[in-house]
Amino acid sequence: MSAYSSDQDLSVVDVTGNGTEVDVATNLLNGTVRLSVLWTDEVYLCPDDAERVAQALQRAAERGRLIAENQQARPNTTAPEHQPHPTN
């Protein structure tokens, strides 16, 4: 299972018709944002699709900030490493 959640409102493909897709996703564990161009190294977008990608990145950035803030606010729940009691 991936830690990344793709923006479901984004559906953008290359204007040349070669099937290249753009994906914007947020890591649900640490809030980082991933921008992927699928199936190639570059993508050509019409102005409207470029704006959609920009909006998806803004949504992902906000979501990532909230995840990161929640992660920092959450107390560390891992148990401390076992340390032997000193003997006198």
N, C-alpha and C. Protein backbone atom coordinates (compact mmCIF):
# COMPACT_ATOMS: atom_id res chain seq x y z
N MET A 1 0.84 -1.18 0.00
CA MET A 1 0.00 0.00 0.00
C MET A 1 0.88 1.24 0.00
N SER A 2 0.54 2.19 -0.83
CA SER A 2 1.31 3.41 -0.96
C SER A 2 0.94 4.41 0.13
N ALA A 3 1.93 5.16 0.56
CA ALA A 3 1.68 6.21 1.53
C ALA A 3 1.16 7.47 0.84
N TYR A 4 1.20 7.49 -0.49
CA TYR A 4 0.79 8.66 -1.25
C TYR A 4 -0.67 8.59 -1.65
N SER A 5 -1.33 9.73 -1.56
CA SER A 5 -2.73 9.85 -1.97
C SER A 5 -2.80 10.86 -3.11
N SER A 6 -3.21 10.39 -4.28
CA SER A 6 -3.29 11.25 -5.46
C SER A 6 -4.48 12.19 -5.37
N ASP A 7 -4.33 13.34 -6.01
CA ASP A 7 -5.42 14.31 -6.10
C ASP A 7 -6.46 13.76 -7.08
N GLN A 8 -7.61 13.40 -6.56
CA GLN A 8 -8.66 12.80 -7.39
C GLN A 8 -9.34 13.82 -8.30
N ASP A 9 -9.18 15.11 -8.03
CA ASP A 9 -9.78 16.14 -8.87
C ASP A 9 -8.93 16.46 -10.09
N LEU A 10 -7.73 15.92 -10.17
CA LEU A 10 -6.83 16.22 -11.28
C LEU A 10 -6.88 15.11 -12.32
N SER A 11 -7.26 15.48 -13.53
CA SER A 11 -7.25 14.53 -14.65
C SER A 11 -6.68 15.28 -15.84
N VAL A 12 -5.35 15.19 -16.00
CA VAL A 12 -4.66 15.97 -17.03
C VAL A 12 -3.78 15.04 -17.85
N VAL A 13 -3.91 15.15 -19.19
CA VAL A 13 -3.07 14.38 -20.11
C VAL A 13 -2.42 15.33 -21.11
N ASP A 14 -1.35 14.87 -21.70
CA ASP A 14 -0.56 15.60 -22.68
C ASP A 14 -1.42 16.00 -23.88
N VAL A 15 -1.27 17.25 -24.36
CA VAL A 15 -2.07 17.72 -25.50
C VAL A 15 -1.66 17.07 -26.81
N THR A 16 -0.49 16.42 -26.86
CA THR A 16 -0.06 15.79 -28.10
C THR A 16 -0.75 14.46 -28.33
N GLY A 17 -1.48 13.97 -27.32
CA GLY A 17 -2.22 12.74 -27.47
C GLY A 17 -1.42 11.48 -27.28
N ASN A 18 -0.24 11.58 -26.67
CA ASN A 18 0.61 10.39 -26.48
C ASN A 18 0.30 9.63 -25.19
N GLY A 19 -0.69 10.07 -24.43
CA GLY A 19 -1.10 9.35 -23.22
C GLY A 19 -0.37 9.73 -21.96
N THR A 20 0.55 10.70 -22.03
CA THR A 20 1.27 11.14 -20.84
C THR A 20 0.30 11.76 -19.85
N GLU A 21 0.45 11.40 -18.58
CA GLU A 21 -0.43 11.91 -17.53
C GLU A 21 0.38 12.65 -16.47
N VAL A 22 -0.31 13.54 -15.76
CA VAL A 22 0.29 14.26 -14.63
C VAL A 22 -0.42 13.79 -13.37
N ASP A 23 0.37 13.56 -12.33
CA ASP A 23 -0.20 13.14 -11.05
C ASP A 23 0.40 13.98 -9.94
N VAL A 24 -0.45 14.49 -9.05
CA VAL A 24 -0.02 15.20 -7.85
C VAL A 24 -0.53 14.40 -6.67
N ALA A 25 0.37 14.07 -5.75
CA ALA A 25 -0.01 13.24 -4.61
C ALA A 25 0.65 13.76 -3.34
N THR A 26 -0.01 13.50 -2.21
CA THR A 26 0.50 13.89 -0.90
C THR A 26 0.84 12.64 -0.10
N ASN A 27 2.01 12.64 0.53
CA ASN A 27 2.41 11.53 1.40
C ASN A 27 1.63 11.69 2.70
N LEU A 28 0.81 10.69 3.02
CA LEU A 28 -0.04 10.77 4.20
C LEU A 28 0.72 10.57 5.50
N LEU A 29 1.97 10.14 5.42
CA LEU A 29 2.77 9.92 6.63
C LEU A 29 3.56 11.15 7.04
N ASN A 30 4.07 11.91 6.04
CA ASN A 30 4.91 13.04 6.41
C ASN A 30 4.55 14.35 5.71
N GLY A 31 3.58 14.32 4.80
CA GLY A 31 3.11 15.55 4.19
C GLY A 31 3.87 16.02 2.96
N THR A 32 4.88 15.28 2.49
CA THR A 32 5.58 15.71 1.29
C THR A 32 4.66 15.57 0.07
N VAL A 33 4.93 16.39 -0.94
CA VAL A 33 4.11 16.42 -2.15
C VAL A 33 4.94 15.84 -3.30
N ARG A 34 4.30 14.95 -4.07
CA ARG A 34 4.96 14.33 -5.22
C ARG A 34 4.26 14.79 -6.49
N LEU A 35 5.04 15.29 -7.45
CA LEU A 35 4.55 15.63 -8.78
C LEU A 35 5.14 14.62 -9.73
N SER A 36 4.28 13.85 -10.39
CA SER A 36 4.75 12.81 -11.31
C SER A 36 4.25 13.09 -12.71
N VAL A 37 5.14 12.88 -13.67
CA VAL A 37 4.77 12.88 -15.08
C VAL A 37 4.91 11.42 -15.50
N LEU A 38 3.77 10.79 -15.80
CA LEU A 38 3.75 9.36 -16.05
C LEU A 38 3.94 9.05 -17.54
N TRP A 39 4.76 8.08 -17.79
CA TRP A 39 5.00 7.49 -19.11
C TRP A 39 6.01 8.25 -19.97
N THR A 40 6.58 9.35 -19.50
CA THR A 40 7.57 10.10 -20.27
C THR A 40 8.34 11.04 -19.36
N ASP A 41 9.27 11.78 -19.95
CA ASP A 41 10.07 12.73 -19.18
C ASP A 41 9.51 14.14 -19.22
N GLU A 42 8.57 14.38 -20.11
CA GLU A 42 8.01 15.73 -20.20
C GLU A 42 6.54 15.64 -20.61
N VAL A 43 5.84 16.73 -20.35
CA VAL A 43 4.42 16.79 -20.69
C VAL A 43 4.13 18.18 -21.24
N TYR A 44 3.29 18.23 -22.24
CA TYR A 44 2.88 19.49 -22.84
C TYR A 44 1.42 19.73 -22.48
N LEU A 45 1.16 20.85 -21.81
CA LEU A 45 -0.18 21.12 -21.31
C LEU A 45 -0.78 22.34 -21.98
N CYS A 46 -2.08 22.31 -22.18
CA CYS A 46 -2.77 23.52 -22.60
C CYS A 46 -2.85 24.43 -21.37
N PRO A 47 -3.07 25.71 -21.56
CA PRO A 47 -3.11 26.63 -20.42
C PRO A 47 -4.10 26.22 -19.34
N ASP A 48 -5.28 25.74 -19.71
CA ASP A 48 -6.26 25.33 -18.70
C ASP A 48 -5.76 24.16 -17.87
N ASP A 49 -5.12 23.18 -18.51
CA ASP A 49 -4.59 22.04 -17.77
C ASP A 49 -3.41 22.45 -16.90
N ALA A 50 -2.58 23.36 -17.37
CA ALA A 50 -1.47 23.86 -16.55
C ALA A 50 -2.02 24.51 -15.28
N GLU A 51 -3.11 25.24 -15.42
CA GLU A 51 -3.73 25.86 -14.25
C GLU A 51 -4.29 24.79 -13.31
N ARG A 52 -4.87 23.72 -13.86
CA ARG A 52 -5.38 22.64 -13.02
C ARG A 52 -4.25 21.98 -12.22
N VAL A 53 -3.11 21.79 -12.87
CA VAL A 53 -1.96 21.21 -12.17
C VAL A 53 -1.50 22.14 -11.06
N ALA A 54 -1.45 23.43 -11.34
CA ALA A 54 -1.05 24.40 -10.31
C ALA A 54 -2.01 24.36 -9.13
N GLN A 55 -3.31 24.28 -9.40
CA GLN A 55 -4.29 24.21 -8.32
C GLN A 55 -4.15 22.92 -7.52
N ALA A 56 -3.87 21.81 -8.22
CA ALA A 56 -3.67 20.54 -7.52
C ALA A 56 -2.44 20.61 -6.62
N LEU A 57 -1.37 21.25 -7.09
CA LEU A 57 -0.18 21.42 -6.26
C LEU A 57 -0.48 22.28 -5.04
N GLN A 58 -1.28 23.31 -5.20
CA GLN A 58 -1.65 24.14 -4.06
C GLN A 58 -2.48 23.35 -3.05
N ARG A 59 -3.41 22.54 -3.53
CA ARG A 59 -4.19 21.71 -2.61
C ARG A 59 -3.29 20.72 -1.88
N ALA A 60 -2.35 20.12 -2.61
CA ALA A 60 -1.44 19.15 -2.00
C ALA A 60 -0.52 19.83 -0.98
N ALA A 61 -0.08 21.03 -1.29
CA ALA A 61 0.78 21.76 -0.35
C ALA A 61 0.04 22.04 0.96
N GLU A 62 -1.20 22.45 0.86
CA GLU A 62 -1.99 22.72 2.07
C GLU A 62 -2.23 21.44 2.85
N ARG A 63 -2.57 20.38 2.15
CA ARG A 63 -2.79 19.09 2.82
C ARG A 63 -1.50 18.61 3.49
N GLY A 64 -0.38 18.78 2.78
CA GLY A 64 0.91 18.39 3.33
C GLY A 64 1.27 19.17 4.58
N ARG A 65 0.99 20.48 4.57
CA ARG A 65 1.25 21.29 5.76
C ARG A 65 0.44 20.79 6.95
N LEU A 66 -0.82 20.47 6.73
CA LEU A 66 -1.66 19.98 7.82
C LEU A 66 -1.14 18.65 8.36
N ILE A 67 -0.73 17.76 7.47
CA ILE A 67 -0.20 16.46 7.90
C ILE A 67 1.07 16.67 8.71
N ALA A 68 1.97 17.52 8.22
CA ALA A 68 3.23 17.77 8.92
C ALA A 68 2.98 18.42 10.29
N GLU A 69 2.04 19.37 10.35
CA GLU A 69 1.73 20.01 11.63
C GLU A 69 1.16 19.00 12.62
N ASN A 70 0.27 18.14 12.15
CA ASN A 70 -0.32 17.12 13.03
C ASN A 70 0.75 16.14 13.51
N GLN A 71 1.68 15.82 12.63
CA GLN A 71 2.75 14.90 13.00
C GLN A 71 3.64 15.52 14.08
N GLN A 72 3.92 16.80 13.97
CA GLN A 72 4.75 17.48 14.97
C GLN A 72 4.02 17.65 16.29
N ALA A 73 2.71 17.86 16.22
CA ALA A 73 1.93 18.06 17.44
C ALA A 73 1.69 16.76 18.19
N ARG A 74 1.75 15.64 17.50
CA ARG A 74 1.51 14.33 18.12
C ARG A 74 2.71 13.95 18.97
N PRO A 75 2.50 13.57 20.22
CA PRO A 75 3.63 13.16 21.06
C PRO A 75 4.24 11.86 20.53
N ASN A 76 5.50 11.69 20.81
CA ASN A 76 6.20 10.48 20.38
C ASN A 76 5.63 9.30 21.15
N THR A 77 5.05 8.34 20.43
CA THR A 77 4.40 7.20 21.09
C THR A 77 5.27 5.96 21.10
N THR A 78 6.48 6.06 20.58
CA THR A 78 7.34 4.89 20.59
C THR A 78 7.93 4.70 21.98
N ALA A 79 8.05 3.47 22.39
CA ALA A 79 8.60 3.17 23.72
C ALA A 79 10.10 3.45 23.73
N PRO A 80 10.61 4.00 24.82
CA PRO A 80 12.06 4.22 24.90
C PRO A 80 12.79 2.89 24.88
N GLU A 81 14.00 2.95 24.37
CA GLU A 81 14.79 1.72 24.32
C GLU A 81 15.03 1.20 25.73
N HIS A 82 15.08 -0.11 25.86
CA HIS A 82 15.28 -0.74 27.15
C HIS A 82 16.68 -0.40 27.66
N GLN A 83 16.75 0.15 28.84
CA GLN A 83 18.03 0.46 29.46
C GLN A 83 18.09 -0.31 30.78
N PRO A 84 19.16 -1.07 31.00
CA PRO A 84 19.25 -1.82 32.26
C PRO A 84 19.36 -0.88 33.44
N HIS A 85 18.82 -1.34 34.57
CA HIS A 85 18.93 -0.55 35.79
C HIS A 85 20.36 -0.65 36.31
N PRO A 86 20.90 0.48 36.74
CA PRO A 86 22.27 0.42 37.28
C PRO A 86 22.30 -0.40 38.58
N THR A 87 23.33 -1.14 38.74
CA THR A 87 23.48 -1.91 39.97
C THR A 87 24.49 -1.20 40.86
N ASN A 88 24.23 -1.17 42.15
CA ASN A 88 25.15 -0.51 43.11
C ASN A 88 25.91 -1.52 43.87
